[in-house]
């Protein structure tokens, strides 16, 4: 069974070595509980705030085998508005999964350098397929000028539109021709008759 442990380290941990040390410590707790850390999949990195420490974060991600990015928190926690989001995907053997996850959770609760965390089951097969699809879409080449469309592609659509407009005009003209035009004289006579009926009543 696969799990994903996601946790937030406050951004006031400015030193990259300290940040790497915290992540390494959490990874050790996972492996001590019998977990095997998996390679990170493509995911939330596109939300990452790029700053001068981006290269250092990339090094930490590769060395610790986690997803890692800096992001604004939903609300300030202990007067800190930004945090490093870390996600580690790991696999636990079939035996003693409940005890292992409980041990990992307890260890993380005791770590005061982590502000928030969540440990959830992770459907590795589904997410790895989604990751592959995301990578494929990245490699698709977009034409340099997508607004420039060949005339051949436009012509069939234009002819359909022209045909629909022409048919509508013809239908309107037919309806106008079929509708008998009333004589002004007959309209006045009808009004006189109705007026007489009202007065006599």
Foldseek 3Di string as FASTA:
>chain_A
DKKKKKFWFFCVVPDLVVVLVVLVVLLVLLVVLPKDWDADFDDDCVQADDDPCVVSVVVSCVVSRWDWGKDFDPDDDPNTGITIMIMIMIDHDPPPPVVSVVSSVVVVVPDPRIDDMDMGGDPVVVRNVVRVVVVVVVPDDDDPDPVDDDVVVVVVVVVVVVVVVVVVVVVVVVVVVVDDDDDPVVVVVVVVVVVVVVVVD
